[in-house]
Amino acid sequence: MCTQNRPMISIIIPVFNAEAYLYRCLKSIQEQTNKNFEVIIIDDGSTDQSINICQEFTEKDNRFKVYQKENGGVSSARNMGLNHAIGDFIFFADADDWISPDFLNMTEEEQKYDIIQKSYAKEYSHRPAKYYSIHKAWSTHKKEEILRFFVSKRTSALWDKIISRRLIHNLFFNENIHIGEDFIFFISLIQIAQNYILSPIGCYHYNIHQGSSIQKIKTVPSKSITHYFSLMDKMEKVSKDHTLFINLIAQFNLIQLYQRKKYMDLREKEKLKKIFLSIKSKDLKYLNNKWKFKFLSKKYSFILFN
């Protein structure tokens, strides 16, 4: 798949004050059984020892490259990485996570696909990891199947996927979005993807800790309510397919907001009620029966009792 002197995979890692986790992340990449990759580390204005850890790898392994910039957020860091990447595939890793030794392995068949999704595990500090394993390969070349899978069984993150550069092409992250930017970027990708495959090879280890931005928001109900309403507006702007947008907010955003209804003020409750009322059962063409029932039950409960 890759041409001569071009790495198969470009790994882009934004780094901001990640000294506690960074070495483990980079070491797990260095130990991959597929050696055909480059690592593009973007130090986004770190003030800790992150840059020293990066340089330890770049000095010993020429596949690792580090670029420094003023702090501008994860989206601007990833965009800088995309501008430097030359691989046929792109993999976005987070500096506080790590990957299994076979994560970058891809069969010849898998290399024909736009998006290759891998297994992942949520790693916790005080309880066992929770695995979301792919035991058997599954693939599709049908647009509606891709959208249906994304809506009903999706992970909104980029970190468990290897994506062909031809699909990304000249698409970049919105640098005004600092939380949920990967989800917004992926919505743009999924609408133009021609095929999609699940691979049973490899596992991404997603480290859940209180220092992450999304975990900070989830612990403050008022902030999470603002976040999910704001995320809907951003989703609508990038959703060329309005039905896809309706299904996505029904599957995720509205249920998240419903769970926080007791923390809402009157204006927020009225806004949520209006959105619930605007969505009909016939609009939910991409939701499987489980998610459709879950959404409709929340909808009618909210309308009746609020």
C-alpha atoms as a PDB file:
ATOM      1  CA  MET A   1       0.000   0.000   0.000  1.00  0.00           C
ATOM      2  CA  CYS A   2       2.695   2.444   0.948  1.00  0.00           C
ATOM      3  CA  THR A   3       5.105   3.753  -1.645  1.00  0.00           C
ATOM      4  CA  GLN A   4       8.876   3.568  -1.369  1.00  0.00           C
ATOM      5  CA  ASN A   5      10.321   5.926   1.293  1.00  0.00           C
ATOM      6  CA  ARG A   6       6.847   6.750   2.532  1.00  0.00           C
ATOM      7  CA  PRO A   7       5.652   5.333   5.866  1.00  0.00           C
ATOM      8  CA  MET A   8       2.470   3.304   5.854  1.00  0.00           C
ATOM      9  CA  ILE A   9       1.032   5.106   8.893  1.00  0.00           C
ATOM     10  CA  SER A  10       1.493   8.615  10.252  1.00  0.00           C
ATOM     11  CA  ILE A  11       0.750   8.746  13.982  1.00  0.00           C
ATOM     12  CA  ILE A  12      -0.234  12.212  15.202  1.00  0.00           C
ATOM     13  CA  ILE A  13       0.004  12.907  18.935  1.00  0.00           C
ATOM     14  CA  PRO A  14      -0.896  16.284  20.478  1.00  0.00           C
ATOM     15  CA  VAL A  15       0.938  16.799  23.768  1.00  0.00           C
ATOM     16  CA  PHE A  16       0.168  19.278  26.524  1.00  0.00           C
ATOM     17  CA  ASN A  17       1.656  18.713  29.981  1.00  0.00           C
ATOM     18  CA  ALA A  18       1.431  14.934  29.660  1.00  0.00           C
ATOM     19  CA  GLU A  19       4.643  13.944  31.454  1.00  0.00           C
ATOM     20  CA  ALA A  20       2.837  11.475  33.720  1.00  0.00           C
ATOM     21  CA  TYR A  21       1.647   9.336  30.806  1.00  0.00           C
ATOM     22  CA  LEU A  22       3.707  10.254  27.741  1.00  0.00           C
ATOM     23  CA  TYR A  23       6.581   7.779  28.051  1.00  0.00           C
ATOM     24  CA  ARG A  24       4.197   4.818  28.237  1.00  0.00           C
ATOM     25  CA  CYS A  25       2.332   6.085  25.161  1.00  0.00           C
ATOM     26  CA  LEU A  26       5.456   6.565  23.038  1.00  0.00           C
ATOM     27  CA  LYS A  27       7.047   3.310  24.207  1.00  0.00           C
ATOM     28  CA  SER A  28       3.939   1.346  23.208  1.00  0.00           C
ATOM     29  CA  ILE A  29       4.244   2.825  19.715  1.00  0.00           C
ATOM     30  CA  GLN A  30       7.951   2.161  19.462  1.00  0.00           C
ATOM     31  CA  GLU A  31       7.327  -1.521  20.299  1.00  0.00           C
ATOM     32  CA  GLN A  32       4.830  -2.101  17.482  1.00  0.00           C
ATOM     33  CA  THR A  33       5.327  -5.232  15.403  1.00  0.00           C
ATOM     34  CA  ASN A  34       4.513  -3.183  12.288  1.00  0.00           C
ATOM     35  CA  LYS A  35       7.599  -0.965  12.056  1.00  0.00           C
ATOM     36  CA  ASN A  36       6.443   1.008   9.022  1.00  0.00           C
ATOM     37  CA  PHE A  37       5.283   4.245  10.608  1.00  0.00           C
ATOM     38  CA  GLU A  38       6.248   7.784  11.530  1.00  0.00           C
ATOM     39  CA  VAL A  39       5.325   9.543  14.766  1.00  0.00           C
ATOM     40  CA  ILE A  40       4.525  13.243  14.624  1.00  0.00           C
ATOM     41  CA  ILE A  41       4.429  14.721  18.112  1.00  0.00           C
ATOM     42  CA  ILE A  42       3.057  18.236  18.479  1.00  0.00           C
ATOM     43  CA  ASP A  43       4.076  19.833  21.763  1.00  0.00           C
ATOM     44  CA  ASP A  44       1.310  22.374  22.320  1.00  0.00           C
ATOM     45  CA  GLY A  45       3.112  24.729  24.685  1.00  0.00           C
ATOM     46  CA  SER A  46       3.798  22.273  27.511  1.00  0.00           C
ATOM     47  CA  THR A  47       5.355  23.699  30.659  1.00  0.00           C
ATOM     48  CA  ASP A  48       6.311  20.375  32.266  1.00  0.00           C
ATOM     49  CA  GLN A  49       8.913  17.790  31.193  1.00  0.00           C
ATOM     50  CA  SER A  50       6.937  16.551  28.167  1.00  0.00           C
ATOM     51  CA  ILE A  51       9.370  17.968  25.607  1.00  0.00           C
ATOM     52  CA  ASN A  52      12.306  16.198  27.265  1.00  0.00           C
ATOM     53  CA  ILE A  53      10.478  12.866  27.052  1.00  0.00           C
ATOM     54  CA  CYS A  54       9.730  13.520  23.373  1.00  0.00           C
ATOM     55  CA  GLN A  55      13.350  14.373  22.633  1.00  0.00           C
ATOM     56  CA  GLU A  56      14.494  11.167  24.327  1.00  0.00           C
ATOM     57  CA  PHE A  57      12.634   9.263  21.606  1.00  0.00           C
ATOM     58  CA  THR A  58      13.545  11.522  18.680  1.00  0.00           C
ATOM     59  CA  GLU A  59      17.249  11.275  19.510  1.00  0.00           C
ATOM     60  CA  LYS A  60      17.209   7.465  19.419  1.00  0.00           C
ATOM     61  CA  ASP A  61      14.576   6.718  16.761  1.00  0.00           C
ATOM     62  CA  ASN A  62      14.361   8.735  13.547  1.00  0.00           C
ATOM     63  CA  ARG A  63      10.739   7.700  13.036  1.00  0.00           C
ATOM     64  CA  PHE A  64       9.825  10.045  15.904  1.00  0.00           C
ATOM     65  CA  LYS A  65       9.616  13.767  15.150  1.00  0.00           C
ATOM     66  CA  VAL A  66       8.573  16.539  17.523  1.00  0.00           C
ATOM     67  CA  TYR A  67       7.347  20.034  16.674  1.00  0.00           C
ATOM     68  CA  GLN A  68       6.755  22.782  19.208  1.00  0.00           C
ATOM     69  CA  LYS A  69       4.127  25.506  19.070  1.00  0.00           C
ATOM     70  CA  GLU A  70       2.403  27.995  21.333  1.00  0.00           C
ATOM     71  CA  ASN A  71      -0.579  26.570  23.165  1.00  0.00           C
ATOM     72  CA  GLY A  72      -3.602  26.629  20.875  1.00  0.00           C
ATOM     73  CA  GLY A  73      -5.549  23.510  21.774  1.00  0.00           C
ATOM     74  CA  VAL A  74      -5.784  19.945  20.521  1.00  0.00           C
ATOM     75  CA  SER A  75      -7.417  20.885  17.201  1.00  0.00           C
ATOM     76  CA  SER A  76      -4.630  23.235  16.160  1.00  0.00           C
ATOM     77  CA  ALA A  77      -2.048  20.643  17.242  1.00  0.00           C
ATOM     78  CA  ARG A  78      -3.677  17.929  15.136  1.00  0.00           C
ATOM     79  CA  ASN A  79      -3.893  20.274  12.161  1.00  0.00           C
ATOM     80  CA  MET A  80      -0.173  20.953  12.454  1.00  0.00           C
ATOM     81  CA  GLY A  81       0.377  17.208  12.541  1.00  0.00           C
ATOM     82  CA  LEU A  82      -1.709  16.713   9.394  1.00  0.00           C
ATOM     83  CA  ASN A  83       0.404  19.308   7.606  1.00  0.00           C
ATOM     84  CA  HIS A  84       3.548  17.274   8.354  1.00  0.00           C
ATOM     85  CA  ALA A  85       2.126  13.767   7.857  1.00  0.00           C
ATOM     86  CA  ILE A  86       3.179  11.836   4.732  1.00  0.00           C
ATOM     87  CA  GLY A  87       1.802   8.367   5.483  1.00  0.00           C
ATOM     88  CA  ASP A  88      -0.911   6.582   3.513  1.00  0.00           C
ATOM     89  CA  PHE A  89      -2.908   6.205   6.740  1.00  0.00           C
ATOM     90  CA  ILE A  90      -3.439   8.505   9.702  1.00  0.00           C
ATOM     91  CA  PHE A  91      -3.790   7.415  13.312  1.00  0.00           C
ATOM     92  CA  PHE A  92      -4.634  10.006  15.984  1.00  0.00           C
ATOM     93  CA  ALA A  93      -3.374   8.941  19.416  1.00  0.00           C
ATOM     94  CA  ASP A  94      -3.773  10.744  22.734  1.00  0.00           C
ATOM     95  CA  ALA A  95      -0.676  11.277  24.858  1.00  0.00           C
ATOM     96  CA  ASP A  96      -2.171   9.717  27.990  1.00  0.00           C
ATOM     97  CA  ASP A  97      -3.184   6.435  26.299  1.00  0.00           C
ATOM     98  CA  TRP A  98      -1.322   3.429  24.908  1.00  0.00           C
ATOM     99  CA  ILE A  99      -1.745   0.683  22.297  1.00  0.00           C
ATOM    100  CA  SER A 100      -1.194  -3.067  22.132  1.00  0.00           C
ATOM    101  CA  PRO A 101       1.915  -4.214  20.171  1.00  0.00           C
ATOM    102  CA  ASP A 102      -0.192  -5.330  17.178  1.00  0.00           C
ATOM    103  CA  PHE A 103      -2.433  -2.254  16.952  1.00  0.00           C
ATOM    104  CA  LEU A 104      -0.805  -0.902  13.770  1.00  0.00           C
ATOM    105  CA  ASN A 105      -0.997  -4.278  12.003  1.00  0.00           C
ATOM    106  CA  MET A 106      -3.308  -4.302   8.976  1.00  0.00           C
ATOM    107  CA  THR A 107      -4.010  -7.071   6.500  1.00  0.00           C
ATOM    108  CA  GLU A 108      -3.797  -6.356   2.769  1.00  0.00           C
ATOM    109  CA  GLU A 109      -7.579  -6.480   2.628  1.00  0.00           C
ATOM    110  CA  GLU A 110      -7.951  -3.957   5.469  1.00  0.00           C
ATOM    111  CA  GLN A 111      -5.641  -1.539   3.688  1.00  0.00           C
ATOM    112  CA  LYS A 112      -8.260  -1.158   0.947  1.00  0.00           C
ATOM    113  CA  TYR A 113     -10.710   0.491   3.348  1.00  0.00           C
ATOM    114  CA  ASP A 114     -11.262   4.136   4.226  1.00  0.00           C
ATOM    115  CA  ILE A 115     -11.719   3.500   7.963  1.00  0.00           C
ATOM    116  CA  ILE A 116     -10.329   0.593   9.984  1.00  0.00           C
ATOM    117  CA  GLN A 117     -11.793   0.414  13.485  1.00  0.00           C
ATOM    118  CA  LYS A 118     -10.053  -1.544  16.249  1.00  0.00           C
ATOM    119  CA  SER A 119     -10.940  -2.892  19.682  1.00  0.00           C
ATOM    120  CA  TYR A 120     -10.471  -0.642  22.685  1.00  0.00           C
ATOM    121  CA  ALA A 121     -10.428  -0.770  26.458  1.00  0.00           C
ATOM    122  CA  LYS A 122     -11.387   1.856  29.004  1.00  0.00           C
ATOM    123  CA  GLU A 123      -8.672   1.885  31.625  1.00  0.00           C
ATOM    124  CA  TYR A 124      -9.474   2.994  35.173  1.00  0.00           C
ATOM    125  CA  SER A 125      -7.113   3.618  38.069  1.00  0.00           C
ATOM    126  CA  HIS A 126      -9.219   1.934  40.780  1.00  0.00           C
ATOM    127  CA  ARG A 127     -11.138  -0.804  38.971  1.00  0.00           C
ATOM    128  CA  PRO A 128     -10.598  -3.332  36.179  1.00  0.00           C
ATOM    129  CA  ALA A 129     -10.514  -2.215  32.555  1.00  0.00           C
ATOM    130  CA  LYS A 130     -13.671  -2.534  30.475  1.00  0.00           C
ATOM    131  CA  TYR A 131     -13.028  -4.080  27.054  1.00  0.00           C
ATOM    132  CA  TYR A 132     -14.962  -3.395  23.862  1.00  0.00           C
ATOM    133  CA  SER A 133     -13.526  -6.150  21.731  1.00  0.00           C
ATOM    134  CA  ILE A 134     -14.004  -6.895  18.059  1.00  0.00           C
ATOM    135  CA  HIS A 135     -13.921 -10.681  17.795  1.00  0.00           C
ATOM    136  CA  LYS A 136     -14.766 -11.021  14.118  1.00  0.00           C
ATOM    137  CA  ALA A 137     -14.084  -8.819  11.094  1.00  0.00           C
ATOM    138  CA  TRP A 138     -17.056  -7.008   9.590  1.00  0.00           C
ATOM    139  CA  SER A 139     -17.071  -4.682   6.610  1.00  0.00           C
ATOM    140  CA  THR A 140     -19.419  -2.810   4.318  1.00  0.00           C
ATOM    141  CA  HIS A 141     -19.343  -0.776   1.119  1.00  0.00           C
ATOM    142  CA  LYS A 142     -22.913   0.477   1.516  1.00  0.00           C
ATOM    143  CA  LYS A 143     -23.414   4.098   2.564  1.00  0.00           C
ATOM    144  CA  GLU A 144     -26.595   3.467   4.564  1.00  0.00           C
ATOM    145  CA  GLU A 145     -24.970   0.571   6.442  1.00  0.00           C
ATOM    146  CA  ILE A 146     -22.015   2.805   7.326  1.00  0.00           C
ATOM    147  CA  LEU A 147     -24.307   5.504   8.711  1.00  0.00           C
ATOM    148  CA  ARG A 148     -26.522   3.008  10.505  1.00  0.00           C
ATOM    149  CA  PHE A 149     -23.474   1.419  12.163  1.00  0.00           C
ATOM    150  CA  PHE A 150     -22.044   4.808  13.131  1.00  0.00           C
ATOM    151  CA  VAL A 151     -25.275   5.997  14.727  1.00  0.00           C
ATOM    152  CA  SER A 152     -26.273   2.843  16.612  1.00  0.00           C
ATOM    153  CA  LYS A 153     -22.913   1.312  17.498  1.00  0.00           C
ATOM    154  CA  ARG A 154     -20.465   4.125  17.082  1.00  0.00           C
ATOM    155  CA  THR A 155     -17.565   5.349  19.144  1.00  0.00           C
ATOM    156  CA  SER A 156     -17.311   9.062  18.586  1.00  0.00           C
ATOM    157  CA  ALA A 157     -13.555   9.089  19.165  1.00  0.00           C
ATOM    158  CA  LEU A 158     -10.776   8.960  16.600  1.00  0.00           C
ATOM    159  CA  TRP A 159      -8.326   7.027  18.723  1.00  0.00           C
ATOM    160  CA  ASP A 160      -9.614   3.507  17.937  1.00  0.00           C
ATOM    161  CA  LYS A 161      -9.464   4.027  14.176  1.00  0.00           C
ATOM    162  CA  ILE A 162      -6.837   4.071  11.437  1.00  0.00           C
ATOM    163  CA  ILE A 163      -8.009   6.311   8.599  1.00  0.00           C
ATOM    164  CA  SER A 164      -6.828   6.453   4.994  1.00  0.00           C
ATOM    165  CA  ARG A 165      -5.192   9.732   4.016  1.00  0.00           C
ATOM    166  CA  ARG A 166      -7.167   9.736   0.772  1.00  0.00           C
ATOM    167  CA  LEU A 167     -10.356  10.035   2.832  1.00  0.00           C
ATOM    168  CA  ILE A 168      -9.058  12.848   5.037  1.00  0.00           C
ATOM    169  CA  HIS A 169      -7.500  14.586   2.000  1.00  0.00           C
ATOM    170  CA  ASN A 170      -7.583  18.294   2.898  1.00  0.00           C
ATOM    171  CA  LEU A 171     -10.053  18.086   5.784  1.00  0.00           C
ATOM    172  CA  PHE A 172      -8.908  19.811   8.972  1.00  0.00           C
ATOM    173  CA  PHE A 173     -10.154  20.245  12.539  1.00  0.00           C
ATOM    174  CA  ASN A 174     -12.174  23.281  13.566  1.00  0.00           C
ATOM    175  CA  GLU A 175      -9.726  25.104  15.829  1.00  0.00           C
ATOM    176  CA  ASN A 176     -12.541  26.905  17.654  1.00  0.00           C
ATOM    177  CA  ILE A 177     -13.739  23.583  19.099  1.00  0.00           C
ATOM    178  CA  HIS A 178     -11.779  22.302  22.100  1.00  0.00           C
ATOM    179  CA  ILE A 179     -14.047  19.545  23.444  1.00  0.00           C
ATOM    180  CA  GLY A 180     -15.791  17.093  21.107  1.00  0.00           C
ATOM    181  CA  GLU A 181     -13.582  18.150  18.210  1.00  0.00           C
ATOM    182  CA  ASP A 182     -12.849  14.525  17.293  1.00  0.00           C
ATOM    183  CA  PHE A 183     -16.563  13.724  17.066  1.00  0.00           C
ATOM    184  CA  ILE A 184     -17.239  16.728  14.814  1.00  0.00           C
ATOM    185  CA  PHE A 185     -14.272  15.819  12.588  1.00  0.00           C
ATOM    186  CA  PHE A 186     -15.441  12.211  12.349  1.00  0.00           C
ATOM    187  CA  ILE A 187     -18.975  13.226  11.354  1.00  0.00           C
ATOM    188  CA  SER A 188     -17.443  14.977   8.348  1.00  0.00           C
ATOM    189  CA  LEU A 189     -15.425  11.860   7.505  1.00  0.00           C
ATOM    190  CA  ILE A 190     -18.237   9.342   7.906  1.00  0.00           C
ATOM    191  CA  GLN A 191     -20.406  11.182   5.385  1.00  0.00           C
ATOM    192  CA  ILE A 192     -17.836  10.761   2.607  1.00  0.00           C
ATOM    193  CA  ALA A 193     -16.487   7.304   3.533  1.00  0.00           C
ATOM    194  CA  GLN A 194     -17.078   4.705   0.832  1.00  0.00           C
ATOM    195  CA  ASN A 195     -16.330   1.693   3.005  1.00  0.00           C
ATOM    196  CA  TYR A 196     -15.702   0.707   6.620  1.00  0.00           C
ATOM    197  CA  ILE A 197     -14.164  -2.313   8.322  1.00  0.00           C
ATOM    198  CA  LEU A 198     -13.921  -3.642  11.866  1.00  0.00           C
ATOM    199  CA  SER A 199     -10.620  -5.338  12.602  1.00  0.00           C
ATOM    200  CA  PRO A 200     -10.077  -7.902  15.383  1.00  0.00           C
ATOM    201  CA  ILE A 201      -6.352  -7.076  15.344  1.00  0.00           C
ATOM    202  CA  GLY A 202      -5.036  -4.840  18.123  1.00  0.00           C
ATOM    203  CA  CYS A 203      -6.465  -2.853  21.027  1.00  0.00           C
ATOM    204  CA  TYR A 204      -6.358   0.818  22.018  1.00  0.00           C
ATOM    205  CA  HIS A 205      -6.131   1.520  25.750  1.00  0.00           C
ATOM    206  CA  TYR A 206      -8.078   4.657  26.654  1.00  0.00           C
ATOM    207  CA  ASN A 207      -6.942   6.036  29.991  1.00  0.00           C
ATOM    208  CA  ILE A 208      -9.786   7.591  31.990  1.00  0.00           C
ATOM    209  CA  HIS A 209      -8.571  10.046  34.603  1.00  0.00           C
ATOM    210  CA  GLN A 210      -9.940  13.170  36.244  1.00  0.00           C
ATOM    211  CA  GLY A 211      -7.417  15.423  34.517  1.00  0.00           C
ATOM    212  CA  SER A 212      -9.015  15.084  31.081  1.00  0.00           C
ATOM    213  CA  SER A 213     -11.227  17.902  29.787  1.00  0.00           C
ATOM    214  CA  ILE A 214     -14.300  15.772  29.170  1.00  0.00           C
ATOM    215  CA  GLN A 215     -14.112  14.194  32.652  1.00  0.00           C
ATOM    216  CA  LYS A 216     -14.015  17.662  34.220  1.00  0.00           C
ATOM    217  CA  ILE A 217     -17.154  18.646  32.320  1.00  0.00           C
ATOM    218  CA  LYS A 218     -19.043  15.446  33.180  1.00  0.00           C
ATOM    219  CA  THR A 219     -18.626  16.080  36.908  1.00  0.00           C
ATOM    220  CA  VAL A 220     -20.268  19.539  36.695  1.00  0.00           C
ATOM    221  CA  PRO A 221     -23.908  19.202  35.492  1.00  0.00           C
ATOM    222  CA  SER A 222     -24.316  22.841  34.408  1.00  0.00           C
ATOM    223  CA  LYS A 223     -21.181  22.640  32.260  1.00  0.00           C
ATOM    224  CA  SER A 224     -22.187  19.325  30.705  1.00  0.00           C
ATOM    225  CA  ILE A 225     -25.647  20.704  29.822  1.00  0.00           C
ATOM    226  CA  THR A 226     -24.062  23.689  28.091  1.00  0.00           C
ATOM    227  CA  HIS A 227     -21.620  21.347  26.350  1.00  0.00           C
ATOM    228  CA  TYR A 228     -24.290  19.021  24.911  1.00  0.00           C
ATOM    229  CA  PHE A 229     -26.472  21.893  23.671  1.00  0.00           C
ATOM    230  CA  SER A 230     -23.416  23.526  22.079  1.00  0.00           C
ATOM    231  CA  LEU A 231     -22.317  20.227  20.554  1.00  0.00           C
ATOM    232  CA  MET A 232     -25.700  19.896  18.824  1.00  0.00           C
ATOM    233  CA  ASP A 233     -25.213  23.238  17.092  1.00  0.00           C
ATOM    234  CA  LYS A 234     -21.771  22.190  15.864  1.00  0.00           C
ATOM    235  CA  MET A 235     -23.060  18.799  14.703  1.00  0.00           C
ATOM    236  CA  GLU A 236     -25.806  20.424  12.669  1.00  0.00           C
ATOM    237  CA  LYS A 237     -23.292  22.652  10.868  1.00  0.00           C
ATOM    238  CA  VAL A 238     -21.190  19.723   9.624  1.00  0.00           C
ATOM    239  CA  SER A 239     -24.084  17.317   8.912  1.00  0.00           C
ATOM    240  CA  LYS A 240     -24.854  17.575   5.210  1.00  0.00           C
ATOM    241  CA  ASP A 241     -27.365  14.772   5.759  1.00  0.00           C
ATOM    242  CA  HIS A 242     -30.023  16.239   8.079  1.00  0.00           C
ATOM    243  CA  THR A 243     -31.432  12.797   8.840  1.00  0.00           C
ATOM    244  CA  LEU A 244     -28.005  11.735  10.087  1.00  0.00           C
ATOM    245  CA  PHE A 245     -27.952  14.758  12.388  1.00  0.00           C
ATOM    246  CA  ILE A 246     -31.405  13.947  13.800  1.00  0.00           C
ATOM    247  CA  ASN A 247     -30.403  10.355  14.480  1.00  0.00           C
ATOM    248  CA  LEU A 248     -27.109  11.311  16.099  1.00  0.00           C
ATOM    249  CA  ILE A 249     -28.666  13.765  18.547  1.00  0.00           C
ATOM    250  CA  ALA A 250     -31.462  11.287  19.319  1.00  0.00           C
ATOM    251  CA  GLN A 251     -28.951   8.530  20.055  1.00  0.00           C
ATOM    252  CA  PHE A 252     -26.569  10.558  22.168  1.00  0.00           C
ATOM    253  CA  ASN A 253     -27.053  14.249  22.949  1.00  0.00           C
ATOM    254  CA  LEU A 254     -30.735  14.231  23.900  1.00  0.00           C
ATOM    255  CA  ILE A 255     -30.376  11.184  26.131  1.00  0.00           C
ATOM    256  CA  GLN A 256     -27.395  12.782  27.864  1.00  0.00           C
ATOM    257  CA  LEU A 257     -29.424  15.953  28.395  1.00  0.00           C
ATOM    258  CA  TYR A 258     -32.430  13.974  29.636  1.00  0.00           C
ATOM    259  CA  GLN A 259     -30.251  12.410  32.315  1.00  0.00           C
ATOM    260  CA  ARG A 260     -29.370  15.922  33.554  1.00  0.00           C
ATOM    261  CA  LYS A 261     -32.895  17.383  33.429  1.00  0.00           C
ATOM    262  CA  LYS A 262     -33.112  17.993  37.172  1.00  0.00           C
ATOM    263  CA  TYR A 263     -30.202  20.435  36.888  1.00  0.00           C
ATOM    264  CA  MET A 264     -31.794  22.458  34.054  1.00  0.00           C
ATOM    265  CA  ASP A 265     -33.376  25.860  34.376  1.00  0.00           C
ATOM    266  CA  LEU A 266     -36.763  26.593  32.795  1.00  0.00           C
ATOM    267  CA  ARG A 267     -35.252  27.954  29.575  1.00  0.00           C
ATOM    268  CA  GLU A 268     -33.119  24.843  29.075  1.00  0.00           C
ATOM    269  CA  LYS A 269     -36.078  22.541  29.745  1.00  0.00           C
ATOM    270  CA  GLU A 270     -38.200  24.389  27.186  1.00  0.00           C
ATOM    271  CA  LYS A 271     -35.412  24.175  24.631  1.00  0.00           C
ATOM    272  CA  LEU A 272     -35.018  20.443  25.189  1.00  0.00           C
ATOM    273  CA  LYS A 273     -38.785  19.889  25.010  1.00  0.00           C
ATOM    274  CA  LYS A 274     -38.954  21.735  21.679  1.00  0.00           C
ATOM    275  CA  ILE A 275     -36.199  19.537  20.225  1.00  0.00           C
ATOM    276  CA  PHE A 276     -37.849  16.362  21.517  1.00  0.00           C
ATOM    277  CA  LEU A 277     -41.169  17.373  19.947  1.00  0.00           C
ATOM    278  CA  SER A 278     -39.537  18.079  16.578  1.00  0.00           C
ATOM    279  CA  ILE A 279     -38.276  14.490  16.183  1.00  0.00           C
ATOM    280  CA  LYS A 280     -40.755  11.864  15.001  1.00  0.00           C
ATOM    281  CA  SER A 281     -40.389   8.099  15.034  1.00  0.00           C
ATOM    282  CA  LYS A 282     -40.231   8.012  11.213  1.00  0.00           C
ATOM    283  CA  ASP A 283     -37.129  10.237  11.297  1.00  0.00           C
ATOM    284  CA  LEU A 284     -35.074   7.603  13.135  1.00  0.00           C
ATOM    285  CA  LYS A 285     -34.069   5.506  10.121  1.00  0.00           C
ATOM    286  CA  TYR A 286     -30.474   4.917  11.264  1.00  0.00           C
ATOM    287  CA  LEU A 287     -31.302   3.887  14.839  1.00  0.00           C
ATOM    288  CA  ASN A 288     -31.643   0.228  15.698  1.00  0.00           C
ATOM    289  CA  ASN A 289     -34.725  -0.849  17.664  1.00  0.00           C
ATOM    290  CA  LYS A 290     -32.934  -0.739  21.012  1.00  0.00           C
ATOM    291  CA  TRP A 291     -31.857   2.884  20.615  1.00  0.00           C
ATOM    292  CA  LYS A 292     -35.153   3.921  19.026  1.00  0.00           C
ATOM    293  CA  PHE A 293     -37.108   2.571  21.994  1.00  0.00           C
ATOM    294  CA  LYS A 294     -34.672   4.179  24.438  1.00  0.00           C
ATOM    295  CA  PHE A 295     -35.004   7.572  22.773  1.00  0.00           C
ATOM    296  CA  LEU A 296     -38.794   7.480  22.404  1.00  0.00           C
ATOM    297  CA  SER A 297     -39.273   6.435  26.032  1.00  0.00           C
ATOM    298  CA  LYS A 298     -37.114   9.361  27.185  1.00  0.00           C
ATOM    299  CA  LYS A 299     -38.947  11.714  24.830  1.00  0.00           C
ATOM    300  CA  TYR A 300     -42.434  10.899  26.054  1.00  0.00           C
ATOM    301  CA  SER A 301     -41.339  10.808  29.691  1.00  0.00           C
ATOM    302  CA  PHE A 302     -39.853  14.278  29.401  1.00  0.00           C
ATOM    303  CA  ILE A 303     -42.876  15.722  27.573  1.00  0.00           C
ATOM    304  CA  LEU A 304     -45.357  14.249  30.086  1.00  0.00           C
ATOM    305  CA  PHE A 305     -43.597  15.183  33.297  1.00  0.00           C
ATOM    306  CA  ASN A 306     -41.849  18.477  32.499  1.00  0.00           C
END
